[in-house]
PDB file of N, CA and C in Angstrom:
ATOM      1  N   MET A   1       0.658  -0.939  -0.256  1.00  0.00           N
ATOM      2  CA  MET A   1       0.013   0.202   0.069  1.00  0.00           C
ATOM      3  C   MET A   1       0.931   1.067   0.009  1.00  0.00           C
ATOM      4  N   PRO A   2       0.349   2.188  -1.100  1.00  0.00           N
ATOM      5  CA  PRO A   2       1.716   3.658  -0.722  1.00  0.00           C
ATOM      6  C   PRO A   2       1.239   4.355   0.357  1.00  0.00           C
ATOM      7  N   ASP A   3       2.219   4.813   0.650  1.00  0.00           N
ATOM      8  CA  ASP A   3       2.199   5.907   1.537  1.00  0.00           C
ATOM      9  C   ASP A   3       1.572   7.232   1.411  1.00  0.00           C
ATOM     10  N   PHE A   4       0.647   7.576   1.724  1.00  0.00           N
ATOM     11  CA  PHE A   4      -0.131   9.253   1.478  1.00  0.00           C
ATOM     12  C   PHE A   4       0.058   9.838   2.323  1.00  0.00           C
ATOM     13  N   PRO A   5       0.650  11.453   1.556  1.00  0.00           N
ATOM     14  CA  PRO A   5       0.554  12.181   3.051  1.00  0.00           C
ATOM     15  C   PRO A   5      -0.739  11.912   4.196  1.00  0.00           C
ATOM     16  N   ASP A   6      -0.453  12.230   5.320  1.00  0.00           N
ATOM     17  CA  ASP A   6      -1.418  12.197   6.324  1.00  0.00           C
ATOM     18  C   ASP A   6      -2.766  12.938   6.320  1.00  0.00           C
ATOM     19  N   ILE A   7      -2.756  14.179   5.132  1.00  0.00           N
ATOM     20  CA  ILE A   7      -4.181  15.014   5.099  1.00  0.00           C
ATOM     21  C   ILE A   7      -4.960  13.909   4.211  1.00  0.00           C
ATOM     22  N   CYS A   8      -3.836  13.347   3.328  1.00  0.00           N
ATOM     23  CA  CYS A   8      -4.923  12.267   2.285  1.00  0.00           C
ATOM     24  C   CYS A   8      -5.589  10.916   3.014  1.00  0.00           C
ATOM     25  N   GLU A   9      -4.481  10.858   3.997  1.00  0.00           N
ATOM     26  CA  GLU A   9      -5.121   9.403   4.772  1.00  0.00           C
ATOM     27  C   GLU A   9      -6.319   9.677   5.891  1.00  0.00           C
ATOM     28  N   SER A  10      -6.394  11.019   6.221  1.00  0.00           N
ATOM     29  CA  SER A  10      -7.113  11.249   7.010  1.00  0.00           C
ATOM     30  C   SER A  10      -8.861  11.650   6.202  1.00  0.00           C
ATOM     31  N   TYR A  11      -8.339  11.854   5.293  1.00  0.00           N
ATOM     32  CA  TYR A  11      -9.770  12.345   4.362  1.00  0.00           C
ATOM     33  C   TYR A  11     -10.440  10.984   3.962  1.00  0.00           C
ATOM     34  N   ILE A  12      -9.709   9.815   4.010  1.00  0.00           N
ATOM     35  CA  ILE A  12     -10.221   8.399   3.383  1.00  0.00           C
ATOM     36  C   ILE A  12     -10.786   8.043   4.345  1.00  0.00           C
ATOM     37  N   LEU A  13     -10.184   7.853   5.864  1.00  0.00           N
ATOM     38  CA  LEU A  13     -10.746   7.475   6.933  1.00  0.00           C
ATOM     39  C   LEU A  13     -11.784   7.802   7.236  1.00  0.00           C
ATOM     40  N   LYS A  14     -12.009   9.341   7.058  1.00  0.00           N
ATOM     41  CA  LYS A  14     -13.441   9.902   7.518  1.00  0.00           C
ATOM     42  C   LYS A  14     -14.075   9.631   6.445  1.00  0.00           C
ATOM     43  N   HIS A  15     -13.923   9.848   5.106  1.00  0.00           N
ATOM     44  CA  HIS A  15     -14.982   9.043   4.009  1.00  0.00           C
ATOM     45  C   HIS A  15     -15.787   8.010   4.283  1.00  0.00           C
ATOM     46  N   ALA A  16     -14.661   6.507   4.759  1.00  0.00           N
ATOM     47  CA  ALA A  16     -14.716   5.488   4.998  1.00  0.00           C
ATOM     48  C   ALA A  16     -16.102   5.142   6.223  1.00  0.00           C
ATOM     49  N   VAL A  17     -15.688   6.316   7.445  1.00  0.00           N
ATOM     50  CA  VAL A  17     -16.011   5.993   8.818  1.00  0.00           C
ATOM     51  C   VAL A  17     -17.519   6.857   8.522  1.00  0.00           C
ATOM     52  N   TYR A  18     -17.471   7.542   7.766  1.00  0.00           N
ATOM     53  CA  TYR A  18     -19.136   8.393   7.001  1.00  0.00           C
ATOM     54  C   TYR A  18     -19.968   7.685   6.347  1.00  0.00           C
ATOM     55  N   GLU A  19     -19.110   6.697   5.616  1.00  0.00           N
ATOM     56  CA  GLU A  19     -20.040   5.311   4.748  1.00  0.00           C
ATOM     57  C   GLU A  19     -20.779   4.955   5.636  1.00  0.00           C
ATOM     58  N   ALA A  20     -19.236   4.237   6.718  1.00  0.00           N
ATOM     59  CA  ALA A  20     -20.211   3.375   7.166  1.00  0.00           C
ATOM     60  C   ALA A  20     -21.055   3.300   8.045  1.00  0.00           C
ATOM     61  N   LYS A  21     -21.167   4.968   8.448  1.00  0.00           N
ATOM     62  CA  LYS A  21     -22.432   5.343   9.588  1.00  0.00           C
ATOM     63  C   LYS A  21     -23.727   5.409   8.878  1.00  0.00           C
ATOM     64  N   TYR A  22     -23.495   6.270   7.851  1.00  0.00           N
ATOM     65  CA  TYR A  22     -24.881   6.882   7.149  1.00  0.00           C
ATOM     66  C   TYR A  22     -24.900   5.924   5.796  1.00  0.00           C
ATOM     67  N   GLY A  23     -23.707   5.627   5.060  1.00  0.00           N
ATOM     68  CA  GLY A  23     -24.198   5.124   3.915  1.00  0.00           C
ATOM     69  C   GLY A  23     -23.716   6.109   2.598  1.00  0.00           C
ATOM     70  N   ASP A  24     -24.384   5.509   1.797  1.00  0.00           N
ATOM     71  CA  ASP A  24     -24.049   6.689   0.758  1.00  0.00           C
ATOM     72  C   ASP A  24     -23.973   8.350   0.897  1.00  0.00           C
ATOM     73  N   SER A  25     -22.981   8.292   0.379  1.00  0.00           N
ATOM     74  CA  SER A  25     -22.683   9.911   0.560  1.00  0.00           C
ATOM     75  C   SER A  25     -24.282  10.997   0.505  1.00  0.00           C
ATOM     76  N   SER A  26     -25.234  10.530  -0.126  1.00  0.00           N
ATOM     77  CA  SER A  26     -25.959  11.118  -0.623  1.00  0.00           C
ATOM     78  C   SER A  26     -27.409  11.080   0.571  1.00  0.00           C
ATOM     79  N   GLN A  27     -26.525  10.250   1.839  1.00  0.00           N
ATOM     80  CA  GLN A  27     -27.820  10.417   2.905  1.00  0.00           C
ATOM     81  C   GLN A  27     -26.274  10.636   4.160  1.00  0.00           C
ATOM     82  N   TRP A  28     -25.826  11.463   3.775  1.00  0.00           N
ATOM     83  CA  TRP A  28     -24.881  12.173   4.594  1.00  0.00           C
ATOM     84  C   TRP A  28     -26.112  13.249   5.607  1.00  0.00           C
ATOM     85  N   ASN A  29     -25.937  13.502   6.862  1.00  0.00           N
ATOM     86  CA  ASN A  29     -26.503  14.648   7.342  1.00  0.00           C
ATOM     87  C   ASN A  29     -25.253  16.156   6.607  1.00  0.00           C
ATOM     88  N   GLN A  30     -26.044  17.498   7.617  1.00  0.00           N
ATOM     89  CA  GLN A  30     -25.462  18.071   6.622  1.00  0.00           C
ATOM     90  C   GLN A  30     -24.185  18.254   7.253  1.00  0.00           C
ATOM     91  N   GLU A  31     -24.048  18.334   8.716  1.00  0.00           N
ATOM     92  CA  GLU A  31     -22.208  18.059   9.457  1.00  0.00           C
ATOM     93  C   GLU A  31     -21.469  16.921   8.770  1.00  0.00           C
ATOM     94  N   ALA A  32     -22.051  16.172   8.558  1.00  0.00           N
ATOM     95  CA  ALA A  32     -20.997  14.948   7.795  1.00  0.00           C
ATOM     96  C   ALA A  32     -20.604  15.588   6.267  1.00  0.00           C
ATOM     97  N   LYS A  33     -21.208  16.342   6.105  1.00  0.00           N
ATOM     98  CA  LYS A  33     -20.696  17.097   4.076  1.00  0.00           C
ATOM     99  C   LYS A  33     -20.472  18.155   5.035  1.00  0.00           C
ATOM    100  N   ALA A  34     -20.173  18.776   5.877  1.00  0.00           N
ATOM    101  CA  ALA A  34     -19.524  20.102   5.829  1.00  0.00           C
ATOM    102  C   ALA A  34     -18.236  19.878   6.349  1.00  0.00           C
ATOM    103  N   ASP A  35     -18.474  18.804   7.298  1.00  0.00           N
ATOM    104  CA  ASP A  35     -16.769  18.136   7.469  1.00  0.00           C
ATOM    105  C   ASP A  35     -16.002  17.691   6.362  1.00  0.00           C
ATOM    106  N   MET A  36     -16.467  16.575   5.516  1.00  0.00           N
ATOM    107  CA  MET A  36     -16.036  16.127   4.118  1.00  0.00           C
ATOM    108  C   MET A  36     -15.285  17.418   3.472  1.00  0.00           C
ATOM    109  N   ASN A  37     -16.184  18.435   3.294  1.00  0.00           N
ATOM    110  CA  ASN A  37     -15.670  19.578   2.573  1.00  0.00           C
ATOM    111  C   ASN A  37     -14.750  20.414   2.792  1.00  0.00           C
ATOM    112  N   MET A  38     -14.400  20.741   4.317  1.00  0.00           N
ATOM    113  CA  MET A  38     -13.495  21.022   5.399  1.00  0.00           C
ATOM    114  C   MET A  38     -12.296  20.555   4.578  1.00  0.00           C
ATOM    115  N   ASN A  39     -12.481  19.365   4.722  1.00  0.00           N
ATOM    116  CA  ASN A  39     -11.774  18.382   4.932  1.00  0.00           C
ATOM    117  C   ASN A  39     -10.854  18.137   3.526  1.00  0.00           C
ATOM    118  N   LEU A  40     -11.430  18.528   2.301  1.00  0.00           N
ATOM    119  CA  LEU A  40     -11.167  18.688   1.091  1.00  0.00           C
ATOM    120  C   LEU A  40     -10.755  19.301   0.625  1.00  0.00           C
ATOM    121  N   SER A  41     -10.954  20.831   0.484  1.00  0.00           N
ATOM    122  CA  SER A  41     -10.248  22.273   1.235  1.00  0.00           C
ATOM    123  C   SER A  41      -9.000  21.780   1.281  1.00  0.00           C
ATOM    124  N   GLN A  42      -8.556  21.381   2.868  1.00  0.00           N
ATOM    125  CA  GLN A  42      -7.972  21.790   3.348  1.00  0.00           C
ATOM    126  C   GLN A  42      -6.592  20.719   2.395  1.00  0.00           C
ATOM    127  N   LEU A  43      -7.274  19.404   1.961  1.00  0.00           N
ATOM    128  CA  LEU A  43      -6.492  18.260   0.857  1.00  0.00           C
ATOM    129  C   LEU A  43      -5.882  19.092  -0.166  1.00  0.00           C
ATOM    130  N   VAL A  44      -6.875  19.913  -0.658  1.00  0.00           N
ATOM    131  CA  VAL A  44      -6.367  20.654  -2.415  1.00  0.00           C
ATOM    132  C   VAL A  44      -5.528  21.556  -2.136  1.00  0.00           C
ATOM    133  N   ALA A  45      -5.546  22.494  -0.769  1.00  0.00           N
ATOM    134  CA  ALA A  45      -4.171  23.903  -0.563  1.00  0.00           C
ATOM    135  C   ALA A  45      -2.834  22.987  -0.199  1.00  0.00           C
ATOM    136  N   SER A  46      -3.759  21.602   0.582  1.00  0.00           N
ATOM    137  CA  SER A  46      -1.888  20.995   0.314  1.00  0.00           C
ATOM    138  C   SER A  46      -1.561  20.618  -0.167  1.00  0.00           C
ATOM    139  N   PHE A  47      -1.868  20.255  -1.547  1.00  0.00           N
ATOM    140  CA  PHE A  47      -1.189  19.838  -2.506  1.00  0.00           C
ATOM    141  C   PHE A  47      -0.682  21.381  -3.153  1.00  0.00           C
ATOM    142  N   GLY A  48      -1.467  22.465  -3.259  1.00  0.00           N
ATOM    143  CA  GLY A  48      -1.127  23.837  -3.961  1.00  0.00           C
ATOM    144  C   GLY A  48      -0.071  24.299  -3.133  1.00  0.00           C
ATOM    145  N   SER A  49       0.079  23.850  -2.318  1.00  0.00           N
ATOM    146  CA  SER A  49       1.343  24.810  -1.654  1.00  0.00           C
ATOM    147  C   SER A  49       2.568  23.581  -1.169  1.00  0.00           C
ATOM    148  N   MET A  50       2.708  22.877  -2.097  1.00  0.00           N
ATOM    149  CA  MET A  50       4.050  21.930  -2.117  1.00  0.00           C
ATOM    150  C   MET A  50       5.106  22.405  -2.370  1.00  0.00           C
ATOM    151  N   SER A  51       6.266  22.454  -1.866  1.00  0.00           N
ATOM    152  CA  SER A  51       7.401  23.207  -2.565  1.00  0.00           C
ATOM    153  C   SER A  51       7.945  22.178  -3.813  1.00  0.00           C
ATOM    154  N   ASP A  52       8.560  22.793  -4.579  1.00  0.00           N
ATOM    155  CA  ASP A  52       9.787  22.166  -5.471  1.00  0.00           C
ATOM    156  C   ASP A  52      10.767  21.442  -4.876  1.00  0.00           C
ATOM    157  N   ASP A  53      10.852  21.359  -4.038  1.00  0.00           N
ATOM    158  CA  ASP A  53      12.280  20.053  -3.388  1.00  0.00           C
ATOM    159  C   ASP A  53      12.140  18.698  -2.778  1.00  0.00           C
ATOM    160  N   ASN A  54      11.850  18.081  -4.095  1.00  0.00           N
ATOM    161  CA  ASN A  54      11.578  17.033  -4.104  1.00  0.00           C
ATOM    162  C   ASN A  54      12.452  15.796  -3.210  1.00  0.00           C
ATOM    163  N   ILE A  55      12.091  15.221  -2.180  1.00  0.00           N
ATOM    164  CA  ILE A  55      12.904  14.413  -1.736  1.00  0.00           C
ATOM    165  C   ILE A  55      12.728  13.052  -1.720  1.00  0.00           C
ATOM    166  N   GLU A  56      11.924  12.305  -2.550  1.00  0.00           N
ATOM    167  CA  GLU A  56      11.344  11.148  -2.644  1.00  0.00           C
ATOM    168  C   GLU A  56      11.073  11.041  -4.312  1.00  0.00           C
ATOM    169  N   ILE A  57      11.927  10.799  -5.007  1.00  0.00           N
ATOM    170  CA  ILE A  57      11.475  10.632  -6.266  1.00  0.00           C
ATOM    171  C   ILE A  57      10.714   8.882  -7.069  1.00  0.00           C
ATOM    172  N   ALA A  58       9.908   8.552  -7.717  1.00  0.00           N
ATOM    173  CA  ALA A  58       9.848   6.974  -7.238  1.00  0.00           C
ATOM    174  C   ALA A  58      10.033   6.492  -8.532  1.00  0.00           C
ATOM    175  N   ILE A  59      10.283   5.255  -8.486  1.00  0.00           N
ATOM    176  CA  ILE A  59      11.351   5.083  -9.768  1.00  0.00           C
ATOM    177  C   ILE A  59       9.887   4.307 -10.589  1.00  0.00           C
ATOM    178  N   THR A  60       9.813   4.906 -12.038  1.00  0.00           N
ATOM    179  CA  THR A  60       8.816   4.504 -12.548  1.00  0.00           C
ATOM    180  C   THR A  60       9.629   3.546 -14.241  1.00  0.00           C
ATOM    181  N   ASN A  61      10.422   3.506 -14.269  1.00  0.00           N
ATOM    182  CA  ASN A  61      11.467   2.520 -14.995  1.00  0.00           C
ATOM    183  C   ASN A  61      12.265   2.268 -14.408  1.00  0.00           C
ATOM    184  N   LEU A  62      12.496   1.167 -14.500  1.00  0.00           N
ATOM    185  CA  LEU A  62      13.240  -0.067 -13.708  1.00  0.00           C
ATOM    186  C   LEU A  62      14.677  -0.398 -14.725  1.00  0.00           C
ATOM    187  N   ASP A  63      14.059   0.042 -15.913  1.00  0.00           N
ATOM    188  CA  ASP A  63      15.330  -0.407 -17.059  1.00  0.00           C
ATOM    189  C   ASP A  63      16.691   0.002 -16.657  1.00  0.00           C
ATOM    190  N   TYR A  64      16.546   0.969 -16.038  1.00  0.00           N
ATOM    191  CA  TYR A  64      18.079   1.060 -16.204  1.00  0.00           C
ATOM    192  C   TYR A  64      18.708   1.029 -14.892  1.00  0.00           C
ATOM    193  N   LEU A  65      18.102   0.390 -14.098  1.00  0.00           N
ATOM    194  CA  LEU A  65      18.816  -0.612 -12.686  1.00  0.00           C
ATOM    195  C   LEU A  65      19.835  -1.631 -12.820  1.00  0.00           C
ATOM    196  N   SER A  66      19.729  -1.870 -14.298  1.00  0.00           N
ATOM    197  CA  SER A  66      20.295  -3.270 -14.332  1.00  0.00           C
ATOM    198  C   SER A  66      21.284  -3.018 -15.490  1.00  0.00           C
ATOM    199  N   LEU A  67      21.618  -1.577 -15.742  1.00  0.00           N
ATOM    200  CA  LEU A  67      23.099  -1.270 -15.856  1.00  0.00           C
ATOM    201  C   LEU A  67      24.504  -1.103 -15.133  1.00  0.00           C
ATOM    202  N   VAL A  68      23.494  -1.295 -13.548  1.00  0.00           N
ATOM    203  CA  VAL A  68      24.837  -0.897 -12.931  1.00  0.00           C
ATOM    204  C   VAL A  68      25.077  -1.995 -12.701  1.00  0.00           C
TER     205      VAL A  68
END
């Protein structure tokens, strides 16, 4: 399982909890919808403020590893 930033994990967990508690998102109460909207706004903002300094880069092409 990939490691997501904490804000992503909290959004996914909250969504799962609300689905288990209320069912489909169309059945959620206004408080749950507002909480998820706030969490989504924070999630979007966190990706908008990411720095250009990458400390981890995913290896998507493994071909060059056999050259060593």
